[in-house]
Each structure stands twice: as C-alpha cells, then as structure tokens.
Amino acid sequence: MATVFIRLSVFYNDRQLDVSVPAHRPIVDVIDDITNLLGVPSVAPGSDDDPKADTQPWALSSPTKGLLDSELTLDDYSIVDGQRLYLTPQLAAAHSPFVDHAVPELRSAVAATTWRWADSTRATGYFIVATVLALLVYFPTLGAVYSAPNDFSAWSLPTIVPAAICLAITLIFLIAAFLQPVKPMRWLGLITPLTAIAATSPFLTPLPAGREWSGLVSVACIAAIPAALAAGRKTERTGRGGALALLLVALAGVALYTANYFGISALAFSAWGAWVPIVALIIAPSFAVKSAGLTALLRENDNGAAVSRTDIRRKAIKAATICDGLVWFATATAFFIIVTLASSPYWQQGILAAVLSIIMLLRTASFSDARRITPLILSGTVGLALCAAACVPWAKTFNDSEKPHNPWWLSAASDQWLTGAVFAGTCLLLVLAIILIAKRKPATTPTNSSSTIGTLDTIFTVAAIPVILVAQGVFSYFWALS
C-alpha cells in the first residue's frame, strides 16, 4: 500500500512550518520529526502547574480536534491537507470544543476552580482564621495602650494586662512573619509600628505638634524596620531596601524633633530641607552602582578580566536594593514636606509644595522599576490635590502673617466644605488623567512627549535646588522661622 502524506502547517510560538507527513504514522513520531525540523529540544520545559517537573512532552493540537493523542495517527483524527496544527507543551495544548464524555470534563472543570483543603491551601485557611481571632483581641488592647496615662506610676492592672497582651501578640506576629510557615504570614509584622505608635503616643501627645508628629514618625519607622526585613526575608532583595528607607526617614524625623526642640518650626525646617529629597532622587542610581561595587567590577571586565556570574548578580541586587531605599526615602520625605507646606498659612510655601509635587511626577521618567515609580506618582498626585485645596484658605488669608498654623483638613470650621470640594474635584481629575494615561500603550522608542518631559524634569529638578537655597537668605518672609 502506498504511503499517504498530508500537507500541514505547524505553528510553534511565532514560527510556521509547512511540512508533509505520513498520515498513518503514530503522532509521537511525527512530533519527533517536527521538533527536529524546528530545531527545538526533544522535550518541552516544565510548567508552572508542576514546578517539580523540569520537562514535559510536546503535543500537537488542532482548533477543531483539540489535543491529539500521541499514540494515534493523523488519519485516525481525519486530518486532511491544509489544516493547521499547533506544537505546544502538553499542559498548554488546546482542547476540543466538544467532548464525547461529559462526566470527566465536568470533574476537571470543577477541580480547576476549587481550592482543595490540602497542603498550603489548608495551612493558609487556618492561618487566616487564627490571625482574625488574634486581631479581635489585639485591637481592643491597642486602644487601651493608646489611652493609657503618660505616667507609669498611674498605670493600674486594667492598663498593664492589655498592654502585656498587646505586646505578646505583636511579638508572636513578628516571629511568625520571620518564620513564614505560609507565605501570607510575611505581612504579620505590619502591626509592629501600630503597637509602637500606640505605646509612645501618650508620652508624645503633650509635646508641641512639631515634636509630637516627628517623634511618632521616627518611632513608627524604627519599629517597622524588623517588619520590612521579615516580609522580604525569603525574597530576592530581602527587604533591605525598605529597611534602609525606614532608617533614613527615622533619622530625618529625629532631625526635625531636635530642630523643633531648639525653636525651629516644622514649616521652616520643611522649607529649608525641601532640596534633600530632590538631591536624593538625582544621585540614587549612580550612588547605588558605586556603593555596590559594580563600577569597579565593570572596570575589571573592561580590562579583560573574567567576572563571576554570581558576583555580578549579587552586586546588581545590592545596587538595586540601595537605589530602592534611597528613592523610597526621598519619596516619603518629599511627601511629608509637601503635606507640611500645604498646611502652611503662607501661600509662598505652598508654591514650593506644588513644585516639589511636580518634580515627584517628572522624576518617574528617570526610573523603570514600578516599585519606585508608583510611590513617586502617588506622592506627586496627592501633593497636587492638597496644594489645590489649600488655595481656598490661602485666598482668604492672603498676606496675613498672623494666622496660626492650623491644617485645613483638621479644622472643624463649617466653611471648609469648599476646600474639601476642591480637594475631591482635583483628585477625580487626576484619577481621570491617570486612567487615560494607563490606556495608552507605552512608547518603545523616544517620542516628542518623552523628550519634553525629560527637558521639564531637568529644568525643574536642577533649578529647584538653588532657588530653595537662595530664597532662604533673600526672601526671609518665604521661609519664616515661625
């Protein structure tokens, strides 16, 4: 009997192979011929569904016939000339739109959408229940600690017992975050700064606002450092970037606390230090590369020396971690400065807050990591909304230098509805703008808009630093001490 051949078009990724194959040969042999012609490995790489498997078999599938059994032949499936087949790993193969036996397909469909009560899913379920039960005890005790007297001699048993329970739950959660028996437990350490704030608030509340808030920020950041390290312990960057950012923000809070202690207001300190986050954003990438040792490593390689692949990866991750920490520190510090200046009674300081918000948005063009870009966009947009809303009270008290420092969002006055409306309207406009930008496909090559943004970024960033420094000495009214 003469051998019958079938002309097929086989598709693999973005490649097409037009080939004639015997109709009565087992499909497994046909697959071997096709993989040889395409020059792909004889077995496919493992899948995400089965991470323990390094490889899996190839399979042919048809849009009408579904997955083709490798033990059968093309003639068994009535494959004719001109049909299209697809070469894929077996688990990724297409299935036929109709089945002869409904029950197995029904079982498969139900199993695919069911979280079986076993292994990690079972452990996660128990973890969620235990966490919720612990939090039901934690939050009432946290409230008791927050409202405790600021004199330890006045503490009684109804205060000591909740404080002990609150501290015990916090330590248990932090230990669980470090151990991570299941992955979601890495976030349990987030209650650590809450406990620290509640514990120190009774002692900081009697202090002036500048020292109270800077002290709370410093305490919260220091307490959050072990939480950041715990959350990132089993990740590639190990959470050290977040810990570095928290440490730097805590030091900035201590500096503000000290300055306020010696009579410098938070407004003046924020205005004088507005250039710090700008400089940090400018130098972050180059400083990270140099401090991680990548510059020296690349210099050695340029001189012809072989470089360890492991060493390259280790130093690259170290550089990324340092850059993350500096960018997050700059973003957080800039946001605190913007919030402080947007609450100022001086509209001139509001100009600085608005410029700093714009710089945060423009600086996003200098980074490609979403973990750096997203916080920059958030701080910039919220800052613009706060500045827009603050224009209402600034217009009412134009050039009134005697007006006290009272943030509009903390005011209980009945005439604040217009300020709130401007804030809400600005936020909605920014949301609309973000949605429109998100729908646009990112450009793969430089465009006129990207070059314009880069030019504006350079102008704003470079000009802002000397303007801030010069204004301190020339326009004393702008950066008043009180």
Protein backbone atom coordinates (compact mmCIF):
# COMPACT_ATOMS: atom_id res chain seq x y z
CA MET A 1 0.00 0.00 0.00
CA ALA A 2 1.32 3.41 -1.00
CA THR A 3 2.18 5.81 1.80
CA VAL A 4 -0.25 8.71 2.07
CA PHE A 5 1.21 12.11 3.01
CA ILE A 6 -0.66 15.08 4.43
CA ARG A 7 0.47 18.67 3.91
CA LEU A 8 0.20 20.60 7.17
CA SER A 9 1.07 23.99 8.64
CA VAL A 10 2.53 23.55 12.12
CA PHE A 11 2.74 26.65 14.34
CA TYR A 12 5.17 26.99 17.23
CA ASN A 13 5.31 30.34 19.07
CA ASP A 14 5.80 32.87 16.23
CA ARG A 15 7.16 30.30 13.75
CA GLN A 16 5.37 28.40 10.99
CA LEU A 17 6.50 25.10 9.46
CA ASP A 18 4.89 23.82 6.25
CA VAL A 19 5.57 20.09 6.07
CA SER A 20 4.29 16.85 4.56
CA VAL A 21 4.00 13.95 6.99
CA PRO A 22 2.74 10.34 6.69
CA ALA A 23 -0.93 10.01 7.57
CA HIS A 24 -0.60 6.54 9.14
CA ARG A 25 2.45 7.06 11.35
CA PRO A 26 1.93 7.49 15.11
CA ILE A 27 1.71 11.16 16.05
CA VAL A 28 4.59 10.72 18.52
CA ASP A 29 6.91 10.00 15.55
CA VAL A 30 5.50 12.98 13.68
CA ILE A 31 6.26 15.20 16.69
CA ASP A 32 9.88 13.99 16.68
CA ASP A 33 10.24 14.93 13.02
CA ILE A 34 8.67 18.36 13.58
CA THR A 35 10.86 19.20 16.59
CA ASN A 36 13.95 18.19 14.59
CA LEU A 37 12.92 20.44 11.70
CA LEU A 38 12.16 23.36 14.03
CA GLY A 39 15.38 22.83 15.96
CA VAL A 40 13.70 22.75 19.38
CA PRO A 41 14.57 20.35 22.25
CA SER A 42 13.04 16.89 22.13
CA VAL A 43 11.13 17.63 25.35
CA ALA A 44 9.34 20.84 26.41
CA PRO A 45 10.27 22.82 29.53
CA GLY A 46 8.34 22.26 32.76
CA SER A 47 5.18 24.21 33.52
CA ASP A 48 4.10 26.48 36.36
CA ASP A 49 1.37 23.95 37.22
CA ASP A 50 4.00 21.34 38.03
CA PRO A 51 7.11 23.19 39.26
CA LYS A 52 8.77 19.93 40.33
CA ALA A 53 8.96 18.74 36.73
CA ASP A 54 11.88 20.02 34.69
CA THR A 55 10.40 18.88 31.38
CA GLN A 56 7.16 17.68 29.81
CA PRO A 57 6.33 16.08 26.45
CA TRP A 58 5.44 18.02 23.34
CA ALA A 59 1.94 17.70 21.92
CA LEU A 60 0.08 18.56 18.74
CA SER A 61 -3.36 20.12 18.94
CA SER A 62 -6.00 21.27 16.50
CA PRO A 63 -8.57 24.08 16.88
CA THR A 64 -11.31 21.57 15.99
CA LYS A 65 -9.95 18.25 17.28
CA GLY A 66 -8.28 19.50 20.44
CA LEU A 67 -5.30 17.62 21.90
CA LEU A 68 -4.14 14.80 19.60
CA ASP A 69 -3.30 11.51 21.28
CA SER A 70 0.34 10.76 20.52
CA GLU A 71 -0.37 7.01 20.17
CA LEU A 72 -2.90 7.53 17.37
CA THR A 73 -2.32 8.67 13.79
CA LEU A 74 -3.35 11.74 11.84
CA ASP A 75 -5.66 9.56 9.78
CA ASP A 76 -7.48 8.49 12.96
CA TYR A 77 -8.41 12.15 13.52
CA SER A 78 -9.37 12.66 9.85
CA ILE A 79 -6.69 15.33 9.43
CA VAL A 80 -6.60 16.48 5.79
CA ASP A 81 -4.37 18.67 3.64
CA GLY A 82 -4.14 22.34 4.59
CA GLN A 83 -5.13 22.01 8.23
CA ARG A 84 -3.33 23.89 10.98
CA LEU A 85 -1.75 22.15 13.94
CA TYR A 86 -0.05 23.71 16.95
CA LEU A 87 3.07 22.40 18.67
CA THR A 88 2.94 23.20 22.40
CA PRO A 89 3.91 21.65 25.73
CA GLN A 90 1.30 19.05 26.62
CA LEU A 91 -0.23 21.03 29.50
CA ALA A 92 -0.62 24.10 27.27
CA ALA A 93 -2.29 22.27 24.38
CA ALA A 94 -5.68 23.42 23.14
CA HIS A 95 -8.70 21.25 23.85
CA SER A 96 -11.54 20.43 21.51
CA PRO A 97 -14.76 22.47 21.82
CA PHE A 98 -16.89 19.30 22.16
CA VAL A 99 -16.39 16.11 24.18
CA ASP A 100 -17.88 12.63 23.95
CA HIS A 101 -17.91 12.01 27.71
CA ALA A 102 -19.20 14.88 29.86
CA VAL A 103 -18.50 13.49 33.35
CA PRO A 104 -14.66 13.54 33.19
CA GLU A 105 -14.74 17.04 31.72
CA LEU A 106 -17.15 18.13 34.46
CA ARG A 107 -14.82 16.78 37.13
CA SER A 108 -11.87 18.54 35.52
CA ALA A 109 -13.75 21.86 35.33
CA VAL A 110 -14.82 21.68 38.98
CA ALA A 111 -11.33 20.68 40.13
CA ALA A 112 -9.77 23.57 38.20
CA THR A 113 -11.90 26.13 40.06
CA THR A 114 -11.70 24.52 43.51
CA TRP A 115 -9.20 25.39 46.22
CA ARG A 116 -8.72 21.96 47.74
CA TRP A 117 -8.49 21.84 51.53
CA ALA A 118 -4.98 20.39 51.48
CA ASP A 119 -1.32 21.30 51.75
CA SER A 120 -0.60 25.05 51.60
CA THR A 121 -4.24 26.00 50.99
CA ARG A 122 -5.29 24.25 54.19
CA ALA A 123 -2.47 25.90 56.15
CA THR A 124 -3.39 29.32 54.74
CA GLY A 125 -7.02 28.84 55.76
CA TYR A 126 -6.05 28.04 59.34
CA PHE A 127 -3.65 31.00 59.30
CA ILE A 128 -6.42 33.42 58.25
CA VAL A 129 -8.75 32.20 60.99
CA ALA A 130 -6.04 32.36 63.67
CA THR A 131 -4.97 35.84 62.52
CA VAL A 132 -8.51 37.23 62.62
CA LEU A 133 -9.09 35.78 66.10
CA ALA A 134 -5.81 37.28 67.33
CA LEU A 135 -6.65 40.67 65.82
CA LEU A 136 -10.03 40.65 67.58
CA VAL A 137 -8.03 40.62 70.81
CA TYR A 138 -5.24 42.89 69.57
CA PHE A 139 -7.22 45.98 68.55
CA PRO A 140 -9.11 46.45 71.86
CA THR A 141 -5.84 46.08 73.78
CA LEU A 142 -4.19 48.51 71.35
CA GLY A 143 -6.87 51.06 72.20
CA ALA A 144 -6.20 50.54 75.90
CA VAL A 145 -2.49 51.16 75.37
CA TYR A 146 -3.19 54.28 73.28
CA SER A 147 -5.38 55.80 76.01
CA ALA A 148 -3.03 54.85 78.87
CA PRO A 149 -1.71 57.58 81.22
CA ASN A 150 1.67 59.10 80.34
CA ASP A 151 2.88 58.43 83.88
CA PHE A 152 3.85 54.81 84.62
CA SER A 153 3.04 55.29 88.29
CA ALA A 154 -0.58 55.85 87.32
CA TRP A 155 -0.83 52.55 85.46
CA SER A 156 -3.17 50.06 87.07
CA LEU A 157 -3.99 46.42 86.41
CA PRO A 158 -6.66 47.27 83.76
CA THR A 159 -3.89 49.05 81.82
CA ILE A 160 -0.98 46.68 82.46
CA VAL A 161 -2.83 43.50 81.40
CA PRO A 162 -4.00 44.83 77.98
CA ALA A 163 -0.52 46.28 77.38
CA ALA A 164 1.08 42.89 78.10
CA ILE A 165 -1.39 41.09 75.82
CA CYS A 166 -0.83 43.66 73.05
CA LEU A 167 2.95 43.30 73.32
CA ALA A 168 2.73 39.48 73.34
CA ILE A 169 0.56 39.40 70.20
CA THR A 170 2.92 41.83 68.47
CA LEU A 171 5.97 39.68 69.24
CA ILE A 172 4.17 36.49 68.14
CA PHE A 173 3.14 38.13 64.87
CA LEU A 174 6.68 39.40 64.26
CA ILE A 175 8.18 35.94 64.91
CA ALA A 176 5.59 34.37 62.60
CA ALA A 177 6.49 36.93 59.92
CA PHE A 178 10.16 35.90 60.15
CA LEU A 179 9.41 32.15 60.11
CA GLN A 180 6.76 32.38 57.35
CA PRO A 181 5.24 28.88 57.63
CA VAL A 182 2.90 30.07 54.88
CA LYS A 183 3.71 32.96 52.55
CA PRO A 184 0.94 35.42 53.61
CA MET A 185 2.40 35.41 57.13
CA ARG A 186 5.23 37.64 55.91
CA TRP A 187 2.93 40.65 56.37
CA LEU A 188 2.05 40.00 60.01
CA GLY A 189 4.88 42.25 61.16
CA LEU A 190 2.92 45.29 59.94
CA ILE A 191 1.26 45.55 63.35
CA THR A 192 4.65 46.36 64.92
CA PRO A 193 4.58 50.10 64.02
CA LEU A 194 0.94 50.30 65.17
CA THR A 195 1.93 48.98 68.59
CA ALA A 196 4.90 51.35 68.74
CA ILE A 197 2.73 54.37 67.90
CA ALA A 198 0.09 53.43 70.47
CA ALA A 199 2.74 52.84 73.15
CA THR A 200 4.57 56.15 72.63
CA SER A 201 1.59 58.36 71.78
CA PRO A 202 0.62 59.07 75.46
CA PHE A 203 4.13 60.41 76.07
CA LEU A 204 4.41 62.44 72.84
CA THR A 205 0.90 63.94 72.74
CA PRO A 206 1.62 66.66 75.36
CA LEU A 207 4.55 67.94 73.26
CA PRO A 208 4.24 70.64 70.56
CA ALA A 209 2.92 69.39 67.23
CA GLY A 210 6.33 69.56 65.55
CA ARG A 211 7.91 67.25 68.08
CA GLU A 212 4.84 65.04 68.52
CA TRP A 213 4.45 64.13 64.85
CA SER A 214 8.17 63.87 64.09
CA GLY A 215 8.57 61.64 67.14
CA LEU A 216 5.68 59.40 66.08
CA VAL A 217 7.06 59.09 62.54
CA SER A 218 10.52 58.18 63.83
CA VAL A 219 9.14 55.61 66.27
CA ALA A 220 6.89 54.06 63.61
CA CYS A 221 9.74 53.82 61.09
CA ILE A 222 12.17 52.26 63.57
CA ALA A 223 9.53 49.74 64.66
CA ALA A 224 8.74 48.93 61.01
CA ILE A 225 12.35 48.00 60.16
CA PRO A 226 12.11 44.42 61.53
CA ALA A 227 8.73 44.10 59.82
CA ALA A 228 10.29 45.07 56.48
CA LEU A 229 13.16 42.62 56.95
CA ALA A 230 10.72 39.86 57.91
CA ALA A 231 8.48 40.50 54.90
CA GLY A 232 11.41 40.38 52.49
CA ARG A 233 13.43 37.62 54.17
CA LYS A 234 12.61 34.98 51.56
CA THR A 235 12.57 37.35 48.58
CA GLU A 236 15.46 38.18 46.28
CA ARG A 237 16.06 41.68 47.67
CA THR A 238 15.47 40.56 51.30
CA GLY A 239 13.58 43.70 52.32
CA ARG A 240 16.76 45.67 52.96
CA GLY A 241 15.73 48.47 50.62
CA GLY A 242 12.63 49.11 52.70
CA ALA A 243 14.63 48.89 55.92
CA LEU A 244 17.14 51.42 54.57
CA ALA A 245 14.36 53.83 53.61
CA LEU A 246 12.70 53.48 57.02
CA LEU A 247 16.00 54.12 58.81
CA LEU A 248 16.69 57.27 56.78
CA VAL A 249 13.15 58.60 57.33
CA ALA A 250 13.51 57.90 61.06
CA LEU A 251 16.76 59.90 61.12
CA ALA A 252 15.02 62.76 59.31
CA GLY A 253 12.27 62.65 61.95
CA VAL A 254 14.87 62.80 64.72
CA ALA A 255 16.48 65.80 63.00
CA LEU A 256 13.11 67.59 62.88
CA TYR A 257 12.43 66.74 66.52
CA THR A 258 15.81 68.18 67.53
CA ALA A 259 15.34 71.31 65.40
CA ASN A 260 11.89 71.91 66.87
CA TYR A 261 13.29 71.47 70.36
CA PHE A 262 15.66 74.38 69.68
CA GLY A 263 12.87 76.61 68.36
CA ILE A 264 12.84 75.95 64.60
CA SER A 265 9.30 75.39 63.35
CA ALA A 266 8.29 72.41 61.25
CA LEU A 267 7.37 74.79 58.42
CA ALA A 268 10.82 76.36 58.34
CA PHE A 269 12.58 73.00 58.64
CA SER A 270 10.48 71.55 55.80
CA ALA A 271 11.13 74.54 53.55
CA TRP A 272 14.85 74.53 54.27
CA GLY A 273 15.11 70.78 53.70
CA ALA A 274 12.96 70.59 50.55
CA TRP A 275 16.09 70.19 48.42
CA VAL A 276 17.17 66.99 50.23
CA PRO A 277 14.70 64.57 48.54
CA ILE A 278 15.44 66.17 45.16
CA VAL A 279 19.17 65.55 45.55
CA ALA A 280 18.49 62.01 46.80
CA LEU A 281 16.44 61.22 43.67
CA ILE A 282 19.18 62.61 41.42
CA ILE A 283 22.09 60.71 42.95
CA ALA A 284 20.27 57.47 43.88
CA PRO A 285 21.14 55.39 40.75
CA SER A 286 24.80 56.41 40.48
CA PHE A 287 25.40 56.19 44.23
CA ALA A 288 23.83 52.71 44.32
CA VAL A 289 26.01 51.48 41.45
CA LYS A 290 29.22 52.80 43.02
CA SER A 291 28.49 51.70 46.58
CA ALA A 292 27.59 48.18 45.44
CA GLY A 293 30.96 47.80 43.70
CA LEU A 294 29.52 47.49 40.20
CA THR A 295 31.72 50.28 38.84
CA ALA A 296 34.92 48.54 39.90
CA LEU A 297 33.62 45.20 38.63
CA LEU A 298 32.84 46.61 35.18
CA ARG A 299 36.24 48.31 35.08
CA GLU A 300 37.93 44.98 35.75
CA ASN A 301 35.90 43.37 33.00
CA ASP A 302 36.86 46.14 30.55
CA ASN A 303 40.49 45.35 31.32
CA GLY A 304 39.95 41.77 30.15
CA ALA A 305 39.41 40.01 33.49
CA ALA A 306 36.74 37.31 33.71
CA VAL A 307 33.93 38.13 36.15
CA SER A 308 31.93 35.65 38.18
CA ARG A 309 28.30 35.44 37.12
CA THR A 310 27.30 35.01 40.77
CA ASP A 311 29.29 38.11 41.74
CA ILE A 312 27.58 40.15 39.04
CA ARG A 313 24.12 39.09 40.18
CA ARG A 314 24.90 39.66 43.87
CA LYS A 315 26.22 43.17 43.29
CA ALA A 316 23.41 44.04 40.88
CA ILE A 317 20.82 43.07 43.51
CA LYS A 318 22.74 45.05 46.13
CA ALA A 319 22.74 48.12 43.87
CA ALA A 320 19.01 47.75 43.22
CA THR A 321 18.35 47.44 46.95
CA ILE A 322 20.32 50.61 47.76
CA CYS A 323 18.60 52.50 44.95
CA ASP A 324 15.20 51.33 46.23
CA GLY A 325 16.00 52.55 49.72
CA LEU A 326 17.17 55.99 48.56
CA VAL A 327 14.21 56.50 46.22
CA TRP A 328 11.67 55.43 48.85
CA PHE A 329 13.35 57.65 51.44
CA ALA A 330 13.25 60.61 49.05
CA THR A 331 9.62 59.92 48.15
CA ALA A 332 8.48 59.62 51.77
CA THR A 333 10.45 62.68 52.88
CA ALA A 334 9.13 64.74 49.97
CA PHE A 335 5.57 63.68 50.79
CA PHE A 336 5.93 64.73 54.44
CA ILE A 337 7.39 68.08 53.32
CA ILE A 338 4.55 68.60 50.84
CA VAL A 339 1.91 67.83 53.48
CA THR A 340 3.56 70.20 55.96
CA LEU A 341 3.92 73.08 53.49
CA ALA A 342 0.42 72.55 52.09
CA SER A 343 -0.92 73.12 55.61
CA SER A 344 1.08 76.35 55.97
CA PRO A 345 -0.70 79.71 56.37
CA TYR A 346 1.84 81.15 53.89
CA TRP A 347 0.88 80.75 50.25
CA GLN A 348 4.53 81.23 49.27
CA GLN A 349 5.41 77.94 50.93
CA GLY A 350 2.56 76.37 49.00
CA ILE A 351 4.39 77.24 45.78
CA LEU A 352 7.33 75.19 46.99
CA ALA A 353 4.99 72.29 47.86
CA ALA A 354 3.44 72.39 44.38
CA VAL A 355 6.87 72.50 42.68
CA LEU A 356 8.05 69.56 44.77
CA SER A 357 4.89 67.61 43.78
CA ILE A 358 5.58 68.28 40.10
CA ILE A 359 9.20 67.16 40.50
CA MET A 360 7.99 63.87 42.02
CA LEU A 361 5.89 63.24 38.91
CA LEU A 362 8.61 64.28 36.47
CA ARG A 363 11.23 62.12 38.19
CA THR A 364 9.27 58.98 37.24
CA ALA A 365 10.80 59.28 33.77
CA SER A 366 14.22 58.52 35.29
CA PHE A 367 13.24 55.08 36.61
CA SER A 368 11.89 51.85 35.12
CA ASP A 369 11.06 49.85 38.26
CA ALA A 370 7.36 50.00 39.18
CA ARG A 371 8.29 49.78 42.87
CA ARG A 372 9.92 53.20 42.53
CA ILE A 373 7.58 54.81 40.01
CA THR A 374 4.30 54.06 41.79
CA PRO A 375 5.21 55.79 45.11
CA LEU A 376 6.52 58.80 43.16
CA ILE A 377 3.24 59.13 41.25
CA LEU A 378 1.22 58.69 44.45
CA SER A 379 3.14 61.35 46.39
CA GLY A 380 3.04 63.79 43.48
CA THR A 381 -0.68 63.47 42.77
CA VAL A 382 -1.73 63.66 46.42
CA GLY A 383 0.56 66.66 46.86
CA LEU A 384 -1.04 68.48 43.92
CA ALA A 385 -4.52 67.78 45.32
CA LEU A 386 -3.51 69.11 48.75
CA CYS A 387 -2.00 72.26 47.24
CA ALA A 388 -5.07 72.88 45.08
CA ALA A 389 -7.36 72.56 48.10
CA ALA A 390 -5.11 74.80 50.21
CA CYS A 391 -5.59 77.63 47.70
CA VAL A 392 -9.01 78.28 49.28
CA PRO A 393 -7.73 79.14 52.79
CA TRP A 394 -4.70 80.91 51.28
CA ALA A 395 -7.04 83.18 49.29
CA LYS A 396 -8.97 84.05 52.47
CA THR A 397 -5.85 84.95 54.48
CA PHE A 398 -3.70 86.45 51.72
CA ASN A 399 -0.59 88.03 53.28
CA ASP A 400 -1.96 87.55 56.81
CA SER A 401 1.24 86.55 58.61
CA GLU A 402 -0.52 86.35 61.97
CA LYS A 403 -2.69 83.39 61.04
CA PRO A 404 -1.81 80.31 63.15
CA HIS A 405 -0.55 77.07 61.63
CA ASN A 406 -3.76 75.00 61.53
CA PRO A 407 -4.07 72.39 58.73
CA TRP A 408 -7.34 72.77 56.87
CA TRP A 409 -8.06 69.02 56.97
CA LEU A 410 -8.00 69.11 60.79
CA SER A 411 -10.23 72.17 61.03
CA ALA A 412 -13.81 71.73 62.24
CA ALA A 413 -14.99 75.03 60.75
CA SER A 414 -18.24 74.85 58.81
CA ASP A 415 -16.81 76.86 55.90
CA GLN A 416 -14.32 74.13 54.99
CA TRP A 417 -16.76 72.48 52.58
CA LEU A 418 -15.34 74.44 49.63
CA THR A 419 -11.80 73.34 50.50
CA GLY A 420 -12.94 69.72 50.67
CA ALA A 421 -14.80 70.08 47.38
CA VAL A 422 -11.69 71.43 45.63
CA PHE A 423 -9.64 68.55 47.05
CA ALA A 424 -12.18 65.94 45.90
CA GLY A 425 -12.53 67.55 42.47
CA THR A 426 -8.76 67.66 41.95
CA CYS A 427 -8.44 64.01 42.99
CA LEU A 428 -11.15 63.00 40.49
CA LEU A 429 -9.47 64.95 37.69
CA LEU A 430 -6.17 63.26 38.50
CA VAL A 431 -7.89 59.86 38.52
CA LEU A 432 -9.31 60.58 35.06
CA ALA A 433 -5.90 61.67 33.79
CA ILE A 434 -4.26 58.53 35.20
CA ILE A 435 -6.89 56.30 33.55
CA LEU A 436 -6.34 57.99 30.18
CA ILE A 437 -2.56 57.65 30.51
CA ALA A 438 -2.86 54.00 31.58
CA LYS A 439 -4.91 53.17 28.47
CA ARG A 440 -2.19 54.46 26.18
CA LYS A 441 0.39 51.93 25.09
CA PRO A 442 3.88 52.82 26.32
CA ALA A 443 6.20 54.01 23.57
CA THR A 444 9.07 51.67 22.73
CA THR A 445 11.13 54.48 21.17
CA PRO A 446 11.74 58.07 22.30
CA THR A 447 8.89 60.43 21.36
CA ASN A 448 8.38 64.19 21.42
CA SER A 449 6.37 63.92 24.63
CA SER A 450 9.08 61.90 26.39
CA SER A 451 11.77 64.36 25.35
CA THR A 452 9.59 67.24 26.57
CA ILE A 453 9.08 65.54 29.92
CA GLY A 454 12.81 64.91 30.17
CA THR A 455 13.53 68.59 29.47
CA LEU A 456 10.98 69.76 32.05
CA ASP A 457 12.38 67.27 34.55
CA THR A 458 15.88 68.66 34.10
CA ILE A 459 14.74 72.28 34.36
CA PHE A 460 12.56 71.79 37.43
CA THR A 461 14.96 69.50 39.24
CA VAL A 462 18.13 71.48 38.63
CA ALA A 463 16.54 74.91 39.13
CA ALA A 464 14.61 73.98 42.28
CA ILE A 465 17.70 73.35 44.41
CA PRO A 466 19.40 76.78 44.02
CA VAL A 467 16.03 78.56 44.18
CA ILE A 468 15.29 76.94 47.55
CA LEU A 469 18.75 77.75 48.91
CA VAL A 470 18.79 81.35 47.61
CA ALA A 471 15.28 82.04 48.86
CA GLN A 472 16.34 81.14 52.38
CA GLY A 473 18.66 84.13 52.54
CA VAL A 474 16.99 86.60 50.16
CA PHE A 475 13.29 86.16 50.79
CA SER A 476 13.19 85.66 54.54
CA TYR A 477 9.40 86.00 54.53
CA PHE A 478 9.09 82.87 52.43
CA TRP A 479 10.88 80.60 54.89
CA ALA A 480 9.89 82.32 58.15
CA LEU A 481 11.10 80.64 61.33
CA SER A 482 7.66 80.86 62.90
